Each structure stands twice: as C-alpha cells, then as structure tokens.
Amino acid sequence: MTAEDLLRWAAWFLLASWAFFALRIGLYAAELPARERARALRGILLGLVTVAIGWSFIGIVFLSIGMGAIFPTLALIGAPLSCPAPGRFELFSQGYSYRPGQHGTVREIYCRLPGGERETVTFLTLLYAGLIYSALLMTLTMWAGRFGLRILVLKPATPGPSDRRPGATARPSTGTQAGRTGGLESRLRDLKALHEAGLIDDGTYQARQLEILRDP
C-alpha cells in the first residue's frame, strides 16, 4: 500500500467519523433547554480544543519526529501533501561517523519535480505526518468517549448500604445546615460541569443528581 493509499483511507475515516460526531453533538444539543445549549456547546468546544492541542504535541513531536527518526517510513504518510503529483518524493539516508566508534545517520526527504529539480521537504513532511497522526489519535479518543462508543463514559457508583438507623436523625445547627447547603450547591455544580463536558451521560447525571438531593 502506497503513501497515497494510506492518506486516502485516513481521510475517509476522519470524514466519516467527524460527520458522525457532529450528528451526535447536534442531537445532544437539541435535547437541552435553550438557555443551557450555548454553554454546553462552548464546554464541548473547549474540551475538543484542549484534546486537539495535546494530541498535536504527541503526534508531531513523539510520533512524527521522534519515531520518524527511528522508522523513517512513518513520516511518509505526509509525503503526498508535501510533494503532490506530478512530483515524486525520495527518502535519502546517509551514514556518518563523528568520532571513532560513534556513528549516526542523516535522513532527508526530497521532492523531485517534473523538470528534474530537487527540493528538500523534510520539515513539511514531518509536520503533515504529525498532524495526520494527531487527527487519527484524537478521532480514536472521540470514538471511545461520550459521542462515540461510550467506552470512557463514567458510570454511576453503586450506592452502599446506609449506616443511619431509623429515627436516629439529629437536628443540625444553623451553621451545620448552612455548611451542608453550600456543600450541596458545590456538588451539584461539579456534577453539572461533568455533564456539560460530556464525561457522564444523561442517565448518570440524573441519577447522581437525585442521590445528592436525597442524601446531601
């Protein structure tokens, strides 16, 4: 399979995946009240940007540059973008020795133009390859999350048996009641933030909300 074939399959996978994610996000937003819809979408967008930055660093620095130095063929998925047809990309490797017993290898990627000229496209190829790997990794993360296969969605904890004895409730003081009210509001806000960020689904959110209200 050539680099062009790999790039073509990756493009189709990304296009189909993100069309599905956009549909899922749209259906989720349509079920929200109008006053909460914009804030929920902003939270999803912020989460996507954060994940994209993290995967971009891993894809470019670790996979494309780091692993590409050891396995140069990993970077060739970006060659069709840095050297489009009718150009022809070439991988050049040359060994050298900078002291007795110490050896290294220099690798360059060139684009051979139709006229015979040769241009160095190593940096562009590594950049494109890193972005492609980053997009693939982020897409796989999305498939495992809330808007994909829900592999990473948090499940509600199983409530344990209550230690309270019937009729043994004590009347809290004013300060204790105020503290519990503040703690209740804080827990509800944290739960709502997890729900808007897409880390828990609707059923989990409603179940946990009832638990907090029933047993503050």
C-alpha atoms as a PDB file:
ATOM      1  CA  MET A   1       0.000   0.000   0.000  1.00  0.00           C
ATOM      2  CA  THR A   2       1.450   3.358  -1.046  1.00  0.00           C
ATOM      3  CA  ALA A   3       1.527   6.569   0.977  1.00  0.00           C
ATOM      4  CA  GLU A   4      -1.240   7.963  -1.234  1.00  0.00           C
ATOM      5  CA  ASP A   5      -3.467   4.988  -0.371  1.00  0.00           C
ATOM      6  CA  LEU A   6      -2.821   5.393   3.364  1.00  0.00           C
ATOM      7  CA  LEU A   7      -3.599   9.096   3.178  1.00  0.00           C
ATOM      8  CA  ARG A   8      -6.801   8.407   1.230  1.00  0.00           C
ATOM      9  CA  TRP A   9      -8.040   5.838   3.748  1.00  0.00           C
ATOM     10  CA  ALA A  10      -7.173   8.129   6.663  1.00  0.00           C
ATOM     11  CA  ALA A  11      -9.109  10.995   5.041  1.00  0.00           C
ATOM     12  CA  TRP A  12     -12.226   8.848   4.563  1.00  0.00           C
ATOM     13  CA  PHE A  13     -12.022   7.580   8.145  1.00  0.00           C
ATOM     14  CA  LEU A  14     -11.708  11.103   9.548  1.00  0.00           C
ATOM     15  CA  LEU A  15     -14.503  12.478   7.368  1.00  0.00           C
ATOM     16  CA  ALA A  16     -16.965   9.713   8.272  1.00  0.00           C
ATOM     17  CA  SER A  17     -16.052   9.811  11.969  1.00  0.00           C
ATOM     18  CA  TRP A  18     -16.441  13.558  12.415  1.00  0.00           C
ATOM     19  CA  ALA A  19     -19.693  13.611  10.451  1.00  0.00           C
ATOM     20  CA  PHE A  20     -20.996  11.059  12.963  1.00  0.00           C
ATOM     21  CA  PHE A  21     -19.672  13.064  15.939  1.00  0.00           C
ATOM     22  CA  ALA A  22     -21.250  16.269  14.614  1.00  0.00           C
ATOM     23  CA  LEU A  23     -24.595  14.475  14.330  1.00  0.00           C
ATOM     24  CA  ARG A  24     -24.337  13.140  17.883  1.00  0.00           C
ATOM     25  CA  ILE A  25     -23.391  16.542  19.278  1.00  0.00           C
ATOM     26  CA  GLY A  26     -26.252  18.184  17.367  1.00  0.00           C
ATOM     27  CA  LEU A  27     -28.779  15.682  18.718  1.00  0.00           C
ATOM     28  CA  TYR A  28     -27.424  16.166  22.237  1.00  0.00           C
ATOM     29  CA  ALA A  29     -27.663  19.959  21.983  1.00  0.00           C
ATOM     30  CA  ALA A  30     -31.202  19.759  20.605  1.00  0.00           C
ATOM     31  CA  GLU A  31     -32.367  17.974  23.779  1.00  0.00           C
ATOM     32  CA  LEU A  32     -31.041  20.721  26.070  1.00  0.00           C
ATOM     33  CA  PRO A  33     -33.065  23.741  27.187  1.00  0.00           C
ATOM     34  CA  ALA A  34     -32.361  26.800  25.052  1.00  0.00           C
ATOM     35  CA  ARG A  35     -30.697  28.688  27.930  1.00  0.00           C
ATOM     36  CA  GLU A  36     -28.197  25.859  28.537  1.00  0.00           C
ATOM     37  CA  ARG A  37     -27.467  24.969  24.906  1.00  0.00           C
ATOM     38  CA  ALA A  38     -24.874  27.650  24.200  1.00  0.00           C
ATOM     39  CA  ARG A  39     -22.949  26.985  27.408  1.00  0.00           C
ATOM     40  CA  ALA A  40     -22.929  23.232  26.772  1.00  0.00           C
ATOM     41  CA  LEU A  41     -21.624  23.715  23.231  1.00  0.00           C
ATOM     42  CA  ARG A  42     -18.909  26.064  24.497  1.00  0.00           C
ATOM     43  CA  GLY A  43     -17.856  23.423  27.008  1.00  0.00           C
ATOM     44  CA  ILE A  44     -17.695  20.762  24.288  1.00  0.00           C
ATOM     45  CA  LEU A  45     -15.714  23.076  22.007  1.00  0.00           C
ATOM     46  CA  LEU A  46     -13.257  23.924  24.787  1.00  0.00           C
ATOM     47  CA  GLY A  47     -12.780  20.231  25.514  1.00  0.00           C
ATOM     48  CA  LEU A  48     -12.145  19.464  21.848  1.00  0.00           C
ATOM     49  CA  VAL A  49      -9.581  22.258  21.553  1.00  0.00           C
ATOM     50  CA  THR A  50      -7.767  21.047  24.679  1.00  0.00           C
ATOM     51  CA  VAL A  51      -7.659  17.463  23.440  1.00  0.00           C
ATOM     52  CA  ALA A  52      -6.528  18.623  19.971  1.00  0.00           C
ATOM     53  CA  ILE A  53      -3.593  20.566  21.442  1.00  0.00           C
ATOM     54  CA  GLY A  54      -2.479  17.579  23.495  1.00  0.00           C
ATOM     55  CA  TRP A  55      -2.689  15.104  20.631  1.00  0.00           C
ATOM     56  CA  SER A  56      -0.989  17.555  18.248  1.00  0.00           C
ATOM     57  CA  PHE A  57       2.033  17.675  20.519  1.00  0.00           C
ATOM     58  CA  ILE A  58       2.152  13.873  20.773  1.00  0.00           C
ATOM     59  CA  GLY A  59       1.579  13.343  17.052  1.00  0.00           C
ATOM     60  CA  ILE A  60       4.171  15.852  15.832  1.00  0.00           C
ATOM     61  CA  VAL A  61       6.895  15.610  18.468  1.00  0.00           C
ATOM     62  CA  PHE A  62       6.691  11.982  19.567  1.00  0.00           C
ATOM     63  CA  LEU A  63       5.352  10.051  16.561  1.00  0.00           C
ATOM     64  CA  SER A  64       6.420  12.067  13.540  1.00  0.00           C
ATOM     65  CA  ILE A  65       9.760  13.487  14.707  1.00  0.00           C
ATOM     66  CA  GLY A  66      10.787  11.039  17.441  1.00  0.00           C
ATOM     67  CA  MET A  67       9.594   7.743  15.999  1.00  0.00           C
ATOM     68  CA  GLY A  68      10.125   9.013  12.440  1.00  0.00           C
ATOM     69  CA  ALA A  69      13.839   9.365  13.154  1.00  0.00           C
ATOM     70  CA  ILE A  70      13.959   5.644  14.004  1.00  0.00           C
ATOM     71  CA  PHE A  71      11.421   4.438  11.443  1.00  0.00           C
ATOM     72  CA  PRO A  72      11.507   6.952   8.551  1.00  0.00           C
ATOM     73  CA  THR A  73       8.632   5.303   6.720  1.00  0.00           C
ATOM     74  CA  LEU A  74       6.239   6.537   9.439  1.00  0.00           C
ATOM     75  CA  ALA A  75       6.655  10.081   8.134  1.00  0.00           C
ATOM     76  CA  LEU A  76       5.958   9.183   4.526  1.00  0.00           C
ATOM     77  CA  ILE A  77       2.196   9.414   5.062  1.00  0.00           C
ATOM     78  CA  GLY A  78       2.702  13.187   4.833  1.00  0.00           C
ATOM     79  CA  ALA A  79       4.749  12.999   1.618  1.00  0.00           C
ATOM     80  CA  PRO A  80       1.746  13.237  -0.777  1.00  0.00           C
ATOM     81  CA  LEU A  81       0.917  16.591   0.821  1.00  0.00           C
ATOM     82  CA  SER A  82       4.452  17.989   0.858  1.00  0.00           C
ATOM     83  CA  CYS A  83       5.221  16.663  -2.621  1.00  0.00           C
ATOM     84  CA  PRO A  84       1.964  16.415  -4.595  1.00  0.00           C
ATOM     85  CA  ALA A  85       1.800  14.836  -8.052  1.00  0.00           C
ATOM     86  CA  PRO A  86       3.384  15.073 -10.545  1.00  0.00           C
ATOM     87  CA  GLY A  87       6.268  15.430  -8.109  1.00  0.00           C
ATOM     88  CA  ARG A  88       7.948  12.300  -6.734  1.00  0.00           C
ATOM     89  CA  PHE A  89       9.227  12.093  -3.172  1.00  0.00           C
ATOM     90  CA  GLU A  90      12.537  10.425  -2.353  1.00  0.00           C
ATOM     91  CA  LEU A  91      13.932   9.302   1.002  1.00  0.00           C
ATOM     92  CA  PHE A  92      17.674   9.808   1.324  1.00  0.00           C
ATOM     93  CA  SER A  93      19.749   8.288   4.156  1.00  0.00           C
ATOM     94  CA  GLN A  94      23.473   8.765   4.686  1.00  0.00           C
ATOM     95  CA  GLY A  95      25.584   7.393   7.481  1.00  0.00           C
ATOM     96  CA  TYR A  96      28.439   9.317   9.084  1.00  0.00           C
ATOM     97  CA  SER A  97      30.962   8.955  11.874  1.00  0.00           C
ATOM     98  CA  TYR A  98      31.788  11.931  14.083  1.00  0.00           C
ATOM     99  CA  ARG A  99      34.357  10.071  16.229  1.00  0.00           C
ATOM    100  CA  PRO A 100      35.856   6.583  16.294  1.00  0.00           C
ATOM    101  CA  GLY A 101      33.181   4.087  17.250  1.00  0.00           C
ATOM    102  CA  GLN A 102      30.381   6.683  17.079  1.00  0.00           C
ATOM    103  CA  HIS A 103      28.052   6.571  14.082  1.00  0.00           C
ATOM    104  CA  GLY A 104      24.926   8.385  13.030  1.00  0.00           C
ATOM    105  CA  THR A 105      22.525   8.655  10.125  1.00  0.00           C
ATOM    106  CA  VAL A 106      21.228  11.708   8.322  1.00  0.00           C
ATOM    107  CA  ARG A 107      17.841  11.336   6.639  1.00  0.00           C
ATOM    108  CA  GLU A 108      16.284  13.797   4.228  1.00  0.00           C
ATOM    109  CA  ILE A 109      13.080  13.718   2.212  1.00  0.00           C
ATOM    110  CA  TYR A 110      13.225  15.315  -1.221  1.00  0.00           C
ATOM    111  CA  CYS A 111      10.599  16.191  -3.794  1.00  0.00           C
ATOM    112  CA  ARG A 112      11.711  15.505  -7.354  1.00  0.00           C
ATOM    113  CA  LEU A 113       9.906  17.985  -9.622  1.00  0.00           C
ATOM    114  CA  PRO A 114       8.946  17.182 -13.237  1.00  0.00           C
ATOM    115  CA  GLY A 115      11.744  19.407 -14.515  1.00  0.00           C
ATOM    116  CA  GLY A 116      14.368  17.414 -12.620  1.00  0.00           C
ATOM    117  CA  GLU A 117      14.849  19.912  -9.783  1.00  0.00           C
ATOM    118  CA  ARG A 118      15.007  18.528  -6.264  1.00  0.00           C
ATOM    119  CA  GLU A 119      13.600  20.333  -3.209  1.00  0.00           C
ATOM    120  CA  THR A 120      14.024  19.438   0.459  1.00  0.00           C
ATOM    121  CA  VAL A 121      10.628  18.805   2.059  1.00  0.00           C
ATOM    122  CA  THR A 122      11.699  17.043   5.244  1.00  0.00           C
ATOM    123  CA  PHE A 123      10.178  19.581   7.637  1.00  0.00           C
ATOM    124  CA  LEU A 124       6.877  19.838   5.751  1.00  0.00           C
ATOM    125  CA  THR A 125       6.593  16.066   5.504  1.00  0.00           C
ATOM    126  CA  LEU A 126       7.173  15.625   9.236  1.00  0.00           C
ATOM    127  CA  LEU A 127       4.668  18.393  10.024  1.00  0.00           C
ATOM    128  CA  TYR A 128       1.960  16.940   7.787  1.00  0.00           C
ATOM    129  CA  ALA A 129       2.582  13.428   9.098  1.00  0.00           C
ATOM    130  CA  GLY A 130       2.357  14.651  12.703  1.00  0.00           C
ATOM    131  CA  LEU A 131      -0.932  16.445  12.036  1.00  0.00           C
ATOM    132  CA  ILE A 132      -2.381  13.354  10.361  1.00  0.00           C
ATOM    133  CA  TYR A 133      -1.393  11.118  13.291  1.00  0.00           C
ATOM    134  CA  SER A 134      -2.757  13.712  15.734  1.00  0.00           C
ATOM    135  CA  ALA A 135      -6.114  13.784  13.939  1.00  0.00           C
ATOM    136  CA  LEU A 136      -6.291   9.980  13.935  1.00  0.00           C
ATOM    137  CA  LEU A 137      -5.461   9.730  17.645  1.00  0.00           C
ATOM    138  CA  MET A 138      -7.991  12.405  18.567  1.00  0.00           C
ATOM    139  CA  THR A 139     -10.647  10.662  16.472  1.00  0.00           C
ATOM    140  CA  LEU A 140      -9.990   7.355  18.223  1.00  0.00           C
ATOM    141  CA  THR A 141     -10.322   9.176  21.545  1.00  0.00           C
ATOM    142  CA  MET A 142     -13.672  10.575  20.429  1.00  0.00           C
ATOM    143  CA  TRP A 143     -14.873   7.109  19.429  1.00  0.00           C
ATOM    144  CA  ALA A 144     -14.089   5.905  22.965  1.00  0.00           C
ATOM    145  CA  GLY A 145     -15.896   8.871  24.558  1.00  0.00           C
ATOM    146  CA  ARG A 146     -19.431  10.044  25.052  1.00  0.00           C
ATOM    147  CA  PHE A 147     -20.218  10.853  21.431  1.00  0.00           C
ATOM    148  CA  GLY A 148     -18.726   7.601  20.128  1.00  0.00           C
ATOM    149  CA  LEU A 149     -18.853   4.117  21.634  1.00  0.00           C
ATOM    150  CA  ARG A 150     -19.017   5.410  25.256  1.00  0.00           C
ATOM    151  CA  ILE A 151     -16.105   3.245  26.403  1.00  0.00           C
ATOM    152  CA  LEU A 152     -14.709   6.020  28.613  1.00  0.00           C
ATOM    153  CA  VAL A 153     -18.036   7.371  29.925  1.00  0.00           C
ATOM    154  CA  LEU A 154     -18.202   7.381  33.698  1.00  0.00           C
ATOM    155  CA  LYS A 155     -20.756   5.042  35.224  1.00  0.00           C
ATOM    156  CA  PRO A 156     -22.717   5.848  38.379  1.00  0.00           C
ATOM    157  CA  ALA A 157     -21.256   4.429  41.560  1.00  0.00           C
ATOM    158  CA  THR A 158     -23.263   1.705  43.259  1.00  0.00           C
ATOM    159  CA  PRO A 159     -24.633   3.165  46.486  1.00  0.00           C
ATOM    160  CA  GLY A 160     -23.653   1.239  49.574  1.00  0.00           C
ATOM    161  CA  PRO A 161     -25.956   0.424  52.440  1.00  0.00           C
ATOM    162  CA  SER A 162     -26.839   3.366  54.646  1.00  0.00           C
ATOM    163  CA  ASP A 163     -25.385   3.429  58.136  1.00  0.00           C
ATOM    164  CA  ARG A 164     -28.223   5.503  59.542  1.00  0.00           C
ATOM    165  CA  ARG A 165     -30.605   3.954  61.998  1.00  0.00           C
ATOM    166  CA  PRO A 166     -34.333   4.643  61.607  1.00  0.00           C
ATOM    167  CA  GLY A 167     -35.392   7.565  63.743  1.00  0.00           C
ATOM    168  CA  ALA A 168     -31.834   8.476  64.705  1.00  0.00           C
ATOM    169  CA  THR A 169     -31.655  11.741  62.740  1.00  0.00           C
ATOM    170  CA  ALA A 170     -30.245  14.661  64.683  1.00  0.00           C
ATOM    171  CA  ARG A 171     -31.416  18.222  64.274  1.00  0.00           C
ATOM    172  CA  PRO A 172     -28.493  20.127  62.734  1.00  0.00           C
ATOM    173  CA  SER A 173     -27.479  23.518  63.997  1.00  0.00           C
ATOM    174  CA  THR A 174     -27.823  26.635  61.848  1.00  0.00           C
ATOM    175  CA  GLY A 175     -24.106  26.666  60.990  1.00  0.00           C
ATOM    176  CA  THR A 176     -24.096  22.978  60.081  1.00  0.00           C
ATOM    177  CA  GLN A 177     -27.197  23.393  57.917  1.00  0.00           C
ATOM    178  CA  ALA A 178     -25.610  26.333  56.078  1.00  0.00           C
ATOM    179  CA  GLY A 179     -22.444  24.321  55.508  1.00  0.00           C
ATOM    180  CA  ARG A 180     -24.435  21.435  54.099  1.00  0.00           C
ATOM    181  CA  THR A 181     -26.352  23.792  51.821  1.00  0.00           C
ATOM    182  CA  GLY A 182     -23.096  25.207  50.466  1.00  0.00           C
ATOM    183  CA  GLY A 183     -21.694  21.712  50.010  1.00  0.00           C
ATOM    184  CA  LEU A 184     -24.865  20.623  48.227  1.00  0.00           C
ATOM    185  CA  GLU A 185     -24.660  23.525  45.798  1.00  0.00           C
ATOM    186  CA  SER A 186     -20.969  22.825  45.155  1.00  0.00           C
ATOM    187  CA  ARG A 187     -21.615  19.138  44.435  1.00  0.00           C
ATOM    188  CA  LEU A 188     -24.460  19.977  42.076  1.00  0.00           C
ATOM    189  CA  ARG A 189     -22.272  22.489  40.224  1.00  0.00           C
ATOM    190  CA  ASP A 190     -19.444  19.947  39.889  1.00  0.00           C
ATOM    191  CA  LEU A 191     -21.878  17.302  38.641  1.00  0.00           C
ATOM    192  CA  LYS A 192     -23.335  19.709  36.094  1.00  0.00           C
ATOM    193  CA  ALA A 193     -19.829  20.614  34.853  1.00  0.00           C
ATOM    194  CA  LEU A 194     -19.022  16.935  34.280  1.00  0.00           C
ATOM    195  CA  HIS A 195     -22.278  16.512  32.361  1.00  0.00           C
ATOM    196  CA  GLU A 196     -21.689  19.565  30.159  1.00  0.00           C
ATOM    197  CA  ALA A 197     -18.135  18.423  29.419  1.00  0.00           C
ATOM    198  CA  GLY A 198     -19.511  15.129  28.115  1.00  0.00           C
ATOM    199  CA  LEU A 199     -17.878  12.960  30.789  1.00  0.00           C
ATOM    200  CA  ILE A 200     -21.179  11.484  32.031  1.00  0.00           C
ATOM    201  CA  ASP A 201     -24.329  10.719  30.102  1.00  0.00           C
ATOM    202  CA  ASP A 202     -27.856  11.983  30.777  1.00  0.00           C
ATOM    203  CA  GLY A 203     -28.939   8.920  32.769  1.00  0.00           C
ATOM    204  CA  THR A 204     -25.891   9.094  35.012  1.00  0.00           C
ATOM    205  CA  TYR A 205     -26.356  12.825  35.508  1.00  0.00           C
ATOM    206  CA  GLN A 206     -29.991  12.470  36.596  1.00  0.00           C
ATOM    207  CA  ALA A 207     -29.242   9.507  38.873  1.00  0.00           C
ATOM    208  CA  ARG A 208     -26.378  11.293  40.631  1.00  0.00           C
ATOM    209  CA  GLN A 209     -28.454  14.468  40.943  1.00  0.00           C
ATOM    210  CA  LEU A 210     -31.219  12.558  42.729  1.00  0.00           C
ATOM    211  CA  GLU A 211     -28.685  10.923  45.034  1.00  0.00           C
ATOM    212  CA  ILE A 212     -27.208  14.282  46.013  1.00  0.00           C
ATOM    213  CA  LEU A 213     -30.601  15.855  46.649  1.00  0.00           C
ATOM    214  CA  ARG A 214     -31.870  12.834  48.599  1.00  0.00           C
ATOM    215  CA  ASP A 215     -28.775  12.469  50.756  1.00  0.00           C
ATOM    216  CA  PRO A 216     -26.930  15.821  50.937  1.00  0.00           C
END
